[in-house]
């Protein structure tokens, strides 16, 4: 079954994609789009009645782990380098 793509469709797709196509590019795009639609039609003819639906080609599982802090936040070591500190934070000059 041949899918025929008209000039109006190519113009519309070109506008949506913000492409300025030459006449040769338009003709090639018409042929390519027609070939793609023919391929999709061919895939639609496949018998998939015995195929289980899936969301991924490979078995993918989330691996969850307990969120445990092992090295601490390092705030004491960081603040040790501060010229001034107040309430466990860097104290800096006020800027407006």
N, C-alpha and C. Protein backbone atom coordinates (compact mmCIF):
# COMPACT_ATOMS: atom_id res chain seq x y z
N UNK A 1 0.85 -1.18 0.00
CA UNK A 1 0.00 0.00 0.00
C UNK A 1 0.90 1.23 0.00
N UNK A 2 0.79 2.02 -1.01
CA UNK A 2 1.65 3.20 -1.14
C UNK A 2 0.97 4.40 -0.50
N UNK A 3 1.68 5.03 0.41
CA UNK A 3 1.20 6.26 1.03
C UNK A 3 1.72 7.43 0.20
N UNK A 4 0.81 8.25 -0.27
CA UNK A 4 1.18 9.39 -1.09
C UNK A 4 1.18 10.65 -0.22
N UNK A 5 2.30 11.33 -0.19
CA UNK A 5 2.45 12.58 0.55
C UNK A 5 2.34 13.71 -0.46
N UNK A 6 1.43 14.66 -0.21
CA UNK A 6 1.26 15.76 -1.16
C UNK A 6 2.14 16.95 -0.79
N UNK A 7 2.21 17.90 -1.71
CA UNK A 7 3.04 19.10 -1.51
C UNK A 7 2.58 19.91 -0.30
N UNK A 8 1.28 19.95 -0.07
CA UNK A 8 0.74 20.72 1.05
C UNK A 8 1.24 20.15 2.38
N UNK A 9 1.29 18.83 2.50
CA UNK A 9 1.78 18.20 3.72
C UNK A 9 3.25 18.52 3.94
N UNK A 10 4.05 18.45 2.88
CA UNK A 10 5.47 18.77 2.99
C UNK A 10 5.66 20.23 3.40
N UNK A 11 4.88 21.13 2.83
CA UNK A 11 4.96 22.55 3.20
C UNK A 11 4.64 22.72 4.68
N UNK A 12 3.59 22.05 5.14
CA UNK A 12 3.15 22.16 6.53
C UNK A 12 4.22 21.62 7.48
N UNK A 13 4.78 20.46 7.17
CA UNK A 13 5.84 19.89 8.00
C UNK A 13 7.06 20.80 8.00
N UNK A 14 7.38 21.38 6.85
CA UNK A 14 8.50 22.31 6.76
C UNK A 14 8.28 23.53 7.65
N UNK A 15 7.05 24.04 7.69
CA UNK A 15 6.74 25.18 8.55
C UNK A 15 6.86 24.78 10.02
N UNK A 16 6.33 23.62 10.38
CA UNK A 16 6.41 23.16 11.77
C UNK A 16 7.86 22.97 12.21
N UNK A 17 8.69 22.44 11.30
CA UNK A 17 10.09 22.19 11.64
C UNK A 17 10.97 23.40 11.39
N UNK A 18 10.35 24.48 10.90
CA UNK A 18 11.07 25.72 10.59
C UNK A 18 12.23 25.46 9.63
N UNK A 19 11.89 24.76 8.55
CA UNK A 19 12.87 24.42 7.52
C UNK A 19 12.52 25.14 6.22
N UNK A 20 13.52 25.63 5.56
CA UNK A 20 13.36 26.18 4.22
C UNK A 20 13.90 25.14 3.25
N UNK A 21 12.99 24.41 2.61
CA UNK A 21 13.40 23.30 1.74
C UNK A 21 13.39 23.74 0.28
N UNK A 22 14.41 23.30 -0.45
CA UNK A 22 14.43 23.52 -1.89
C UNK A 22 13.46 22.53 -2.54
N UNK A 23 13.19 22.70 -3.80
CA UNK A 23 12.27 21.79 -4.50
C UNK A 23 12.80 20.36 -4.48
N UNK A 24 14.12 20.21 -4.67
CA UNK A 24 14.71 18.86 -4.64
C UNK A 24 14.56 18.24 -3.25
N UNK A 25 14.77 19.05 -2.20
CA UNK A 25 14.64 18.54 -0.83
C UNK A 25 13.19 18.18 -0.53
N UNK A 26 12.25 18.94 -1.06
CA UNK A 26 10.84 18.63 -0.86
C UNK A 26 10.48 17.30 -1.50
N UNK A 27 10.97 17.08 -2.72
CA UNK A 27 10.70 15.81 -3.40
C UNK A 27 11.31 14.64 -2.63
N UNK A 28 12.54 14.82 -2.14
CA UNK A 28 13.18 13.75 -1.37
C UNK A 28 12.43 13.51 -0.06
N UNK A 29 11.98 14.58 0.59
CA UNK A 29 11.23 14.44 1.84
C UNK A 29 9.91 13.71 1.60
N UNK A 30 9.23 14.02 0.47
CA UNK A 30 7.99 13.32 0.14
C UNK A 30 8.24 11.82 -0.01
N UNK A 31 9.32 11.48 -0.71
CA UNK A 31 9.65 10.07 -0.91
C UNK A 31 9.99 9.41 0.42
N UNK A 32 10.81 10.08 1.25
CA UNK A 32 11.21 9.51 2.55
C UNK A 32 10.01 9.32 3.46
N UNK A 33 9.13 10.31 3.53
CA UNK A 33 7.95 10.19 4.39
C UNK A 33 7.03 9.08 3.90
N UNK A 34 6.89 8.96 2.61
CA UNK A 34 6.07 7.89 2.05
C UNK A 34 6.66 6.53 2.40
N UNK A 35 7.98 6.40 2.28
CA UNK A 35 8.65 5.14 2.63
C UNK A 35 8.46 4.81 4.11
N UNK A 36 8.55 5.82 4.96
CA UNK A 36 8.37 5.58 6.41
C UNK A 36 6.95 5.11 6.70
N UNK A 37 5.97 5.75 6.10
CA UNK A 37 4.58 5.35 6.34
C UNK A 37 4.30 3.96 5.80
N UNK A 38 4.90 3.62 4.66
CA UNK A 38 4.76 2.26 4.12
C UNK A 38 5.35 1.24 5.09
N UNK A 39 6.49 1.57 5.70
CA UNK A 39 7.12 0.66 6.66
C UNK A 39 6.25 0.49 7.89
N UNK A 40 5.67 1.58 8.36
CA UNK A 40 4.78 1.51 9.53
C UNK A 40 3.56 0.65 9.21
N UNK A 41 3.02 0.81 8.01
CA UNK A 41 1.89 -0.04 7.59
C UNK A 41 2.30 -1.51 7.58
N UNK A 42 3.51 -1.79 7.12
CA UNK A 42 4.00 -3.16 7.09
C UNK A 42 4.12 -3.72 8.51
N UNK A 43 4.58 -2.91 9.44
CA UNK A 43 4.68 -3.36 10.84
C UNK A 43 3.30 -3.64 11.42
N UNK A 44 2.31 -2.86 10.98
CA UNK A 44 0.95 -3.05 11.46
C UNK A 44 0.34 -4.37 11.02
N UNK A 45 0.88 -5.00 10.02
CA UNK A 45 0.38 -6.28 9.53
C UNK A 45 0.89 -7.46 10.34
N UNK A 46 1.87 -7.24 11.21
CA UNK A 46 2.43 -8.33 12.00
C UNK A 46 1.44 -8.85 13.02
N UNK A 47 1.44 -10.16 13.23
CA UNK A 47 0.57 -10.77 14.23
C UNK A 47 1.27 -10.69 15.59
N UNK A 48 0.77 -9.84 16.45
CA UNK A 48 1.37 -9.67 17.79
C UNK A 48 0.43 -10.17 18.88
N UNK A 49 -0.53 -11.00 18.52
CA UNK A 49 -1.52 -11.46 19.50
C UNK A 49 -0.90 -12.30 20.61
N UNK A 50 0.21 -13.00 20.32
CA UNK A 50 0.86 -13.83 21.35
C UNK A 50 2.07 -13.15 21.97
N UNK A 51 2.24 -11.86 21.76
CA UNK A 51 3.38 -11.14 22.29
C UNK A 51 2.94 -10.34 23.51
N UNK A 52 3.62 -10.57 24.63
CA UNK A 52 3.28 -9.87 25.86
C UNK A 52 3.76 -8.42 25.77
N UNK A 53 2.90 -7.49 26.13
CA UNK A 53 3.32 -6.08 26.10
C UNK A 53 4.48 -5.84 27.06
N UNK A 54 5.38 -4.94 26.66
CA UNK A 54 6.51 -4.62 27.53
C UNK A 54 6.87 -3.15 27.37
N UNK A 55 7.55 -2.62 28.37
CA UNK A 55 7.93 -1.22 28.31
C UNK A 55 9.40 -1.05 27.96
N UNK A 56 10.16 -2.15 27.96
CA UNK A 56 11.58 -2.06 27.66
C UNK A 56 12.02 -3.39 27.05
N UNK A 57 13.00 -3.34 26.17
CA UNK A 57 13.46 -4.55 25.49
C UNK A 57 14.22 -5.48 26.43
N UNK A 58 14.80 -4.92 27.48
CA UNK A 58 15.56 -5.72 28.44
C UNK A 58 14.87 -5.63 29.80
N UNK A 59 15.03 -6.66 30.63
CA UNK A 59 14.42 -6.57 31.96
C UNK A 59 15.13 -5.49 32.79
N UNK A 60 14.38 -4.48 33.19
CA UNK A 60 14.95 -3.37 33.94
C UNK A 60 14.23 -3.30 35.28
N UNK A 61 15.01 -3.25 36.35
CA UNK A 61 14.45 -3.18 37.69
C UNK A 61 15.12 -2.04 38.43
N UNK A 62 14.34 -1.29 39.20
CA UNK A 62 14.93 -0.27 40.05
C UNK A 62 15.62 -0.94 41.22
N UNK A 63 16.79 -0.48 41.54
CA UNK A 63 17.53 -1.01 42.67
C UNK A 63 17.52 0.07 43.74
N UNK A 64 16.78 -0.17 44.79
CA UNK A 64 16.69 0.79 45.86
C UNK A 64 17.61 0.37 46.99
N UNK A 65 18.18 1.37 47.64
CA UNK A 65 19.02 1.09 48.80
C UNK A 65 18.66 2.08 49.89
N UNK A 66 19.01 1.74 51.09
CA UNK A 66 18.79 2.63 52.22
C UNK A 66 19.71 3.83 52.09
N UNK A 67 19.18 5.02 52.29
CA UNK A 67 19.98 6.24 52.20
C UNK A 67 20.65 6.47 53.55
N UNK A 68 21.92 6.09 53.63
CA UNK A 68 22.65 6.17 54.88
C UNK A 68 23.86 7.07 54.69
N UNK A 69 24.00 8.07 55.57
CA UNK A 69 25.15 8.97 55.51
C UNK A 69 26.34 8.24 56.11
N UNK A 70 27.43 8.15 55.33
CA UNK A 70 28.60 7.43 55.82
C UNK A 70 29.79 8.34 56.11
N UNK A 71 29.83 9.52 55.49
CA UNK A 71 30.98 10.39 55.67
C UNK A 71 30.63 11.73 56.32
N UNK A 72 29.40 11.92 56.74
CA UNK A 72 29.00 13.16 57.38
C UNK A 72 28.95 14.30 56.37
N UNK A 73 28.58 15.48 56.86
CA UNK A 73 28.45 16.61 55.94
C UNK A 73 29.72 17.44 55.84
N UNK A 74 30.69 17.23 56.72
CA UNK A 74 31.96 17.94 56.64
C UNK A 74 31.86 19.41 57.01
N UNK A 75 30.78 19.82 57.67
CA UNK A 75 30.59 21.24 57.95
C UNK A 75 31.63 21.76 58.93
N UNK A 76 32.02 20.97 59.91
CA UNK A 76 33.01 21.45 60.88
C UNK A 76 34.35 21.70 60.20
N UNK A 77 34.78 20.80 59.34
CA UNK A 77 36.04 21.00 58.62
C UNK A 77 35.96 22.18 57.68
N UNK A 78 34.80 22.37 57.04
CA UNK A 78 34.63 23.49 56.12
C UNK A 78 34.65 24.81 56.87
N UNK A 79 33.94 24.88 57.97
CA UNK A 79 33.89 26.12 58.74
C UNK A 79 35.22 26.43 59.42
N UNK A 80 36.06 25.44 59.60
CA UNK A 80 37.38 25.68 60.21
C UNK A 80 38.22 26.59 59.32
N UNK A 81 37.93 26.63 58.03
CA UNK A 81 38.66 27.49 57.09
C UNK A 81 38.03 28.88 56.95
N UNK A 82 36.90 29.12 57.58
CA UNK A 82 36.20 30.40 57.42
C UNK A 82 36.88 31.48 58.25
N UNK A 83 37.06 32.69 57.68
CA UNK A 83 37.62 33.78 58.46
C UNK A 83 36.71 34.17 59.62
N UNK A 84 35.38 34.14 59.38
CA UNK A 84 34.41 34.41 60.43
C UNK A 84 33.25 33.45 60.27
N UNK A 85 32.63 33.06 61.38
CA UNK A 85 31.46 32.20 61.33
C UNK A 85 30.46 32.61 62.39
N UNK A 86 29.20 32.33 62.13
CA UNK A 86 28.14 32.66 63.07
C UNK A 86 27.04 31.61 62.95
N UNK A 87 26.64 31.03 64.06
CA UNK A 87 25.57 30.02 64.11
C UNK A 87 25.80 28.87 63.13
N UNK A 88 27.03 28.41 63.03
CA UNK A 88 27.34 27.28 62.17
C UNK A 88 27.33 27.59 60.69
N UNK A 89 27.53 28.88 60.32
CA UNK A 89 27.54 29.26 58.91
C UNK A 89 28.64 30.30 58.68
N UNK A 90 29.01 30.49 57.41
CA UNK A 90 29.96 31.53 57.07
C UNK A 90 29.35 32.89 57.36
N UNK A 91 30.14 33.79 57.94
CA UNK A 91 29.69 35.17 58.13
C UNK A 91 30.42 36.02 57.11
N UNK A 92 29.62 36.73 56.29
CA UNK A 92 30.18 37.54 55.21
C UNK A 92 29.67 38.97 55.35
N UNK A 93 30.37 39.93 54.73
CA UNK A 93 29.90 41.31 54.80
C UNK A 93 28.52 41.45 54.13
N UNK A 94 27.71 42.33 54.67
CA UNK A 94 26.39 42.60 54.11
C UNK A 94 26.56 43.35 52.78
N UNK A 95 25.82 42.89 51.77
CA UNK A 95 25.84 43.55 50.46
C UNK A 95 24.43 43.89 50.06
N UNK A 96 24.29 45.03 49.41
CA UNK A 96 22.96 45.46 48.99
C UNK A 96 22.98 45.69 47.50
